[in-house]
Structures are given as structure tokens and as C-alpha cells.
């Protein structure tokens, strides 16, 4: 994907769920910290990202 993005001058965007990788909000996965780990919240996050992505100019 990186090769094709460079070849065509495209923006490469990827999403990471808030509880994985560098997007983790908490240092531990205790029950209290998992209250937003749900498919419903993931869809809200995706909708928020889509709204943000639509308002940002990605091209030079």
C-alpha cells in the first residue's frame, strides 16, 4: 500500500481502535477502563473520524 500511495501521490489513512497499539488510553485494561470497549463505541469513533477526515484538506 505504501508503494502505491507514493506512486500515485495518495494519502494513506489507517484507523486504530482506541484500545490497541499507540491509541491505548490507559496503562492497564482494568474493568473500569474497558467501559468504552464496545462495537457501538467503535462505530461512534469511526463516524467521528469520518467527519474529521472530511473537514481536513489532505492534498498539497
PDB file of N, CA and C in Angstrom:
ATOM      1  N   UNK A   1       0.811  -1.182   0.000  1.00  0.00           N
ATOM      2  CA  UNK A   1       0.000   0.000   0.000  1.00  0.00           C
ATOM      3  C   UNK A   1       0.863   1.257   0.000  1.00  0.00           C
ATOM      4  N   UNK A   2       1.928   1.248   0.788  1.00  0.00           N
ATOM      5  CA  UNK A   2       2.807   2.424   0.827  1.00  0.00           C
ATOM      6  C   UNK A   2       3.399   2.718  -0.544  1.00  0.00           C
ATOM      7  N   UNK A   3       3.782   1.675  -1.249  1.00  0.00           N
ATOM      8  CA  UNK A   3       4.374   1.843  -2.580  1.00  0.00           C
ATOM      9  C   UNK A   3       3.364   2.489  -3.527  1.00  0.00           C
ATOM     10  N   UNK A   4       2.135   1.998  -3.520  1.00  0.00           N
ATOM     11  CA  UNK A   4       1.109   2.560  -4.393  1.00  0.00           C
ATOM     12  C   UNK A   4       0.759   3.995  -4.003  1.00  0.00           C
ATOM     13  N   UNK A   5       0.703   4.271  -2.715  1.00  0.00           N
ATOM     14  CA  UNK A   5       0.404   5.634  -2.269  1.00  0.00           C
ATOM     15  C   UNK A   5       1.479   6.598  -2.757  1.00  0.00           C
ATOM     16  N   UNK A   6       2.736   6.205  -2.640  1.00  0.00           N
ATOM     17  CA  UNK A   6       3.829   7.058  -3.128  1.00  0.00           C
ATOM     18  C   UNK A   6       3.765   7.217  -4.643  1.00  0.00           C
ATOM     19  N   UNK A   7       3.502   6.120  -5.331  1.00  0.00           N
ATOM     20  CA  UNK A   7       3.466   6.146  -6.791  1.00  0.00           C
ATOM     21  C   UNK A   7       2.400   7.107  -7.318  1.00  0.00           C
ATOM     22  N   UNK A   8       1.244   7.126  -6.676  1.00  0.00           N
ATOM     23  CA  UNK A   8       0.136   7.944  -7.151  1.00  0.00           C
ATOM     24  C   UNK A   8      -0.047   9.242  -6.365  1.00  0.00           C
ATOM     25  N   UNK A   9       0.863   9.516  -5.428  1.00  0.00           N
ATOM     26  CA  UNK A   9       0.752  10.731  -4.627  1.00  0.00           C
ATOM     27  C   UNK A   9      -0.498  10.740  -3.758  1.00  0.00           C
ATOM     28  N   UNK A  10      -0.856   9.582  -3.269  1.00  0.00           N
ATOM     29  CA  UNK A  10      -2.091   9.441  -2.496  1.00  0.00           C
ATOM     30  C   UNK A  10      -1.822   9.519  -0.999  1.00  0.00           C
ATOM     31  N   UNK A  11      -2.834   9.929  -0.276  1.00  0.00           N
ATOM     32  CA  UNK A  11      -2.774   9.895   1.182  1.00  0.00           C
ATOM     33  C   UNK A  11      -3.133   8.482   1.631  1.00  0.00           C
ATOM     34  N   UNK A  12      -2.413   7.974   2.594  1.00  0.00           N
ATOM     35  CA  UNK A  12      -2.678   6.642   3.133  1.00  0.00           C
ATOM     36  C   UNK A  12      -3.167   6.819   4.566  1.00  0.00           C
ATOM     37  N   UNK A  13      -4.382   6.419   4.807  1.00  0.00           N
ATOM     38  CA  UNK A  13      -5.010   6.614   6.111  1.00  0.00           C
ATOM     39  C   UNK A  13      -5.367   5.257   6.688  1.00  0.00           C
ATOM     40  N   UNK A  14      -5.041   5.060   7.956  1.00  0.00           N
ATOM     41  CA  UNK A  14      -5.448   3.824   8.619  1.00  0.00           C
ATOM     42  C   UNK A  14      -5.993   4.170  10.000  1.00  0.00           C
ATOM     43  N   UNK A  15      -6.927   3.385  10.442  1.00  0.00           N
ATOM     44  CA  UNK A  15      -7.546   3.596  11.743  1.00  0.00           C
ATOM     45  C   UNK A  15      -7.034   2.560  12.725  1.00  0.00           C
ATOM     46  N   UNK A  16      -6.942   2.972  13.971  1.00  0.00           N
ATOM     47  CA  UNK A  16      -6.541   2.059  15.033  1.00  0.00           C
ATOM     48  C   UNK A  16      -7.535   2.229  16.171  1.00  0.00           C
ATOM     49  N   UNK A  17      -8.123   1.137  16.613  1.00  0.00           N
ATOM     50  CA  UNK A  17      -9.089   1.210  17.704  1.00  0.00           C
ATOM     51  C   UNK A  17      -8.431   1.793  18.945  1.00  0.00           C
ATOM     52  N   UNK A  18      -9.178   2.527  19.727  1.00  0.00           N
ATOM     53  CA  UNK A  18      -8.635   3.247  20.874  1.00  0.00           C
ATOM     54  C   UNK A  18      -7.996   2.357  21.946  1.00  0.00           C
ATOM     55  N   UNK A  19      -8.214   1.067  21.920  1.00  0.00           N
ATOM     56  CA  UNK A  19      -7.627   0.189  22.933  1.00  0.00           C
ATOM     57  C   UNK A  19      -6.445  -0.634  22.418  1.00  0.00           C
ATOM     58  N   UNK A  20      -5.954  -0.326  21.241  1.00  0.00           N
ATOM     59  CA  UNK A  20      -4.869  -1.112  20.663  1.00  0.00           C
ATOM     60  C   UNK A  20      -3.696  -0.220  20.297  1.00  0.00           C
ATOM     61  N   UNK A  21      -2.495  -0.778  20.363  1.00  0.00           N
ATOM     62  CA  UNK A  21      -1.299  -0.067  19.912  1.00  0.00           C
ATOM     63  C   UNK A  21      -1.089   1.261  20.608  1.00  0.00           C
ATOM     64  N   UNK A  22      -0.672   2.244  19.858  1.00  0.00           N
ATOM     65  CA  UNK A  22      -0.369   3.566  20.403  1.00  0.00           C
ATOM     66  C   UNK A  22      -1.627   4.343  20.774  1.00  0.00           C
ATOM     67  N   UNK A  23      -2.788   3.853  20.371  1.00  0.00           N
ATOM     68  CA  UNK A  23      -4.040   4.548  20.655  1.00  0.00           C
ATOM     69  C   UNK A  23      -4.629   4.190  22.017  1.00  0.00           C
ATOM     70  N   UNK A  24      -3.964   3.327  22.755  1.00  0.00           N
ATOM     71  CA  UNK A  24      -4.488   2.909  24.046  1.00  0.00           C
ATOM     72  C   UNK A  24      -4.595   4.099  24.991  1.00  0.00           C
ATOM     73  N   UNK A  25      -5.749   4.241  25.607  1.00  0.00           N
ATOM     74  CA  UNK A  25      -5.995   5.365  26.505  1.00  0.00           C
ATOM     75  C   UNK A  25      -5.492   5.116  27.918  1.00  0.00           C
ATOM     76  N   UNK A  26      -5.294   3.864  28.277  1.00  0.00           N
ATOM     77  CA  UNK A  26      -4.966   3.509  29.652  1.00  0.00           C
ATOM     78  C   UNK A  26      -3.729   2.619  29.704  1.00  0.00           C
ATOM     79  N   UNK A  27      -3.063   2.657  30.851  1.00  0.00           N
ATOM     80  CA  UNK A  27      -1.872   1.816  31.011  1.00  0.00           C
ATOM     81  C   UNK A  27      -2.245   0.384  31.386  1.00  0.00           C
ATOM     82  N   UNK A  28      -3.463   0.184  31.899  1.00  0.00           N
ATOM     83  CA  UNK A  28      -3.910  -1.170  32.231  1.00  0.00           C
ATOM     84  C   UNK A  28      -5.336  -1.371  31.724  1.00  0.00           C
ATOM     85  N   UNK A  29      -5.684  -2.606  31.490  1.00  0.00           N
ATOM     86  CA  UNK A  29      -7.013  -2.932  30.967  1.00  0.00           C
ATOM     87  C   UNK A  29      -7.932  -3.432  32.084  1.00  0.00           C
ATOM     88  N   UNK A  30      -8.033  -2.647  33.158  1.00  0.00           N
ATOM     89  CA  UNK A  30      -8.935  -2.988  34.253  1.00  0.00           C
ATOM     90  C   UNK A  30     -10.378  -2.780  33.794  1.00  0.00           C
ATOM     91  N   UNK A  31     -11.307  -3.428  34.475  1.00  0.00           N
ATOM     92  CA  UNK A  31     -12.715  -3.364  34.086  1.00  0.00           C
ATOM     93  C   UNK A  31     -13.200  -1.931  33.927  1.00  0.00           C
ATOM     94  N   UNK A  32     -12.868  -1.052  34.851  1.00  0.00           N
ATOM     95  CA  UNK A  32     -13.298   0.351  34.779  1.00  0.00           C
ATOM     96  C   UNK A  32     -12.793   1.017  33.501  1.00  0.00           C
ATOM     97  N   UNK A  33     -11.610   0.644  33.050  1.00  0.00           N
ATOM     98  CA  UNK A  33     -11.022   1.247  31.852  1.00  0.00           C
ATOM     99  C   UNK A  33     -11.611   0.707  30.553  1.00  0.00           C
ATOM    100  N   UNK A  34     -12.371  -0.364  30.642  1.00  0.00           N
ATOM    101  CA  UNK A  34     -12.911  -1.002  29.436  1.00  0.00           C
ATOM    102  C   UNK A  34     -14.337  -0.562  29.098  1.00  0.00           C
ATOM    103  N   UNK A  35     -14.853   0.457  29.779  1.00  0.00           N
ATOM    104  CA  UNK A  35     -16.251   0.833  29.566  1.00  0.00           C
ATOM    105  C   UNK A  35     -16.539   1.344  28.160  1.00  0.00           C
ATOM    106  N   UNK A  36     -15.518   1.797  27.444  1.00  0.00           N
ATOM    107  CA  UNK A  36     -15.731   2.268  26.073  1.00  0.00           C
ATOM    108  C   UNK A  36     -15.287   1.252  25.025  1.00  0.00           C
ATOM    109  N   UNK A  37     -14.946   0.048  25.459  1.00  0.00           N
ATOM    110  CA  UNK A  37     -14.540  -1.005  24.524  1.00  0.00           C
ATOM    111  C   UNK A  37     -15.791  -1.767  24.083  1.00  0.00           C
ATOM    112  N   UNK A  38     -16.423  -1.263  23.042  1.00  0.00           N
ATOM    113  CA  UNK A  38     -17.647  -1.889  22.541  1.00  0.00           C
ATOM    114  C   UNK A  38     -17.754  -1.616  21.044  1.00  0.00           C
ATOM    115  N   UNK A  39     -18.547  -2.431  20.385  1.00  0.00           N
ATOM    116  CA  UNK A  39     -18.743  -2.204  18.952  1.00  0.00           C
ATOM    117  C   UNK A  39     -19.473  -0.886  18.719  1.00  0.00           C
ATOM    118  N   UNK A  40     -20.380  -0.520  19.617  1.00  0.00           N
ATOM    119  CA  UNK A  40     -21.098   0.755  19.491  1.00  0.00           C
ATOM    120  C   UNK A  40     -20.123   1.931  19.554  1.00  0.00           C
ATOM    121  N   UNK A  41     -19.210   1.898  20.520  1.00  0.00           N
ATOM    122  CA  UNK A  41     -18.238   2.984  20.642  1.00  0.00           C
ATOM    123  C   UNK A  41     -17.290   3.002  19.447  1.00  0.00           C
ATOM    124  N   UNK A  42     -16.920   1.835  18.950  1.00  0.00           N
ATOM    125  CA  UNK A  42     -16.048   1.777  17.768  1.00  0.00           C
ATOM    126  C   UNK A  42     -16.728   2.439  16.571  1.00  0.00           C
ATOM    127  N   UNK A  43     -18.032   2.241  16.418  1.00  0.00           N
ATOM    128  CA  UNK A  43     -18.772   2.884  15.327  1.00  0.00           C
ATOM    129  C   UNK A  43     -18.846   4.396  15.522  1.00  0.00           C
ATOM    130  N   UNK A  44     -19.027   4.840  16.764  1.00  0.00           N
ATOM    131  CA  UNK A  44     -19.006   6.277  17.040  1.00  0.00           C
ATOM    132  C   UNK A  44     -17.637   6.869  16.717  1.00  0.00           C
ATOM    133  N   UNK A  45     -16.580   6.151  17.078  1.00  0.00           N
ATOM    134  CA  UNK A  45     -15.223   6.613  16.768  1.00  0.00           C
ATOM    135  C   UNK A  45     -15.021   6.717  15.260  1.00  0.00           C
ATOM    136  N   UNK A  46     -15.499   5.724  14.530  1.00  0.00           N
ATOM    137  CA  UNK A  46     -15.377   5.729  13.074  1.00  0.00           C
ATOM    138  C   UNK A  46     -16.147   6.902  12.462  1.00  0.00           C
ATOM    139  N   UNK A  47     -17.347   7.151  12.970  1.00  0.00           N
ATOM    140  CA  UNK A  47     -18.136   8.285  12.474  1.00  0.00           C
ATOM    141  C   UNK A  47     -17.419   9.599  12.767  1.00  0.00           C
ATOM    142  N   UNK A  48     -16.830   9.712  13.954  1.00  0.00           N
ATOM    143  CA  UNK A  48     -16.082  10.917  14.303  1.00  0.00           C
ATOM    144  C   UNK A  48     -14.876  11.106  13.408  1.00  0.00           C
ATOM    145  N   UNK A  49     -14.181  10.020  13.125  1.00  0.00           N
ATOM    146  CA  UNK A  49     -13.028  10.104  12.230  1.00  0.00           C
ATOM    147  C   UNK A  49     -13.462  10.502  10.833  1.00  0.00           C
ATOM    148  N   UNK A  50     -14.552   9.931  10.359  1.00  0.00           N
ATOM    149  CA  UNK A  50     -15.060  10.250   9.022  1.00  0.00           C
ATOM    150  C   UNK A  50     -15.421  11.729   8.919  1.00  0.00           C
ATOM    151  N   UNK A  51     -16.034  12.255   9.958  1.00  0.00           N
ATOM    152  CA  UNK A  51     -16.385  13.672   9.986  1.00  0.00           C
ATOM    153  C   UNK A  51     -15.116  14.524   9.940  1.00  0.00           C
ATOM    154  N   UNK A  52     -14.133  14.167  10.778  1.00  0.00           N
ATOM    155  CA  UNK A  52     -12.867  14.909  10.815  1.00  0.00           C
ATOM    156  C   UNK A  52     -12.145  14.814   9.475  1.00  0.00           C
ATOM    157  N   UNK A  53     -12.066  13.624   8.915  1.00  0.00           N
ATOM    158  CA  UNK A  53     -11.359  13.399   7.654  1.00  0.00           C
ATOM    159  C   UNK A  53     -11.985  14.217   6.537  1.00  0.00           C
ATOM    160  N   UNK A  54     -13.288  14.383   6.573  1.00  0.00           N
ATOM    161  CA  UNK A  54     -13.968  15.161   5.550  1.00  0.00           C
ATOM    162  C   UNK A  54     -13.718  16.657   5.658  1.00  0.00           C
ATOM    163  N   UNK A  55     -13.282  17.107   6.836  1.00  0.00           N
ATOM    164  CA  UNK A  55     -13.061  18.539   7.036  1.00  0.00           C
ATOM    165  C   UNK A  55     -11.599  18.951   6.887  1.00  0.00           C
ATOM    166  N   UNK A  56     -10.714  17.989   6.670  1.00  0.00           N
ATOM    167  CA  UNK A  56      -9.279  18.277   6.574  1.00  0.00           C
ATOM    168  C   UNK A  56      -8.834  18.202   5.118  1.00  0.00           C
ATOM    169  N   UNK A  57      -8.062  19.167   4.705  1.00  0.00           N
ATOM    170  CA  UNK A  57      -7.525  19.154   3.341  1.00  0.00           C
ATOM    171  C   UNK A  57      -6.263  18.290   3.337  1.00  0.00           C
ATOM    172  N   UNK A  58      -6.318  17.174   2.629  1.00  0.00           N
ATOM    173  CA  UNK A  58      -5.198  16.235   2.616  1.00  0.00           C
ATOM    174  C   UNK A  58      -4.247  16.458   1.449  1.00  0.00           C
ATOM    175  N   UNK A  59      -4.638  17.254   0.498  1.00  0.00           N
ATOM    176  CA  UNK A  59      -3.825  17.413  -0.704  1.00  0.00           C
ATOM    177  C   UNK A  59      -2.959  18.656  -0.617  1.00  0.00           C
ATOM    178  N   UNK A  60      -1.832  18.606  -1.286  1.00  0.00           N
ATOM    179  CA  UNK A  60      -0.903  19.747  -1.289  1.00  0.00           C
ATOM    180  C   UNK A  60      -1.282  20.746  -2.328  1.00  0.00           C
TER     181      UNK A  60
END
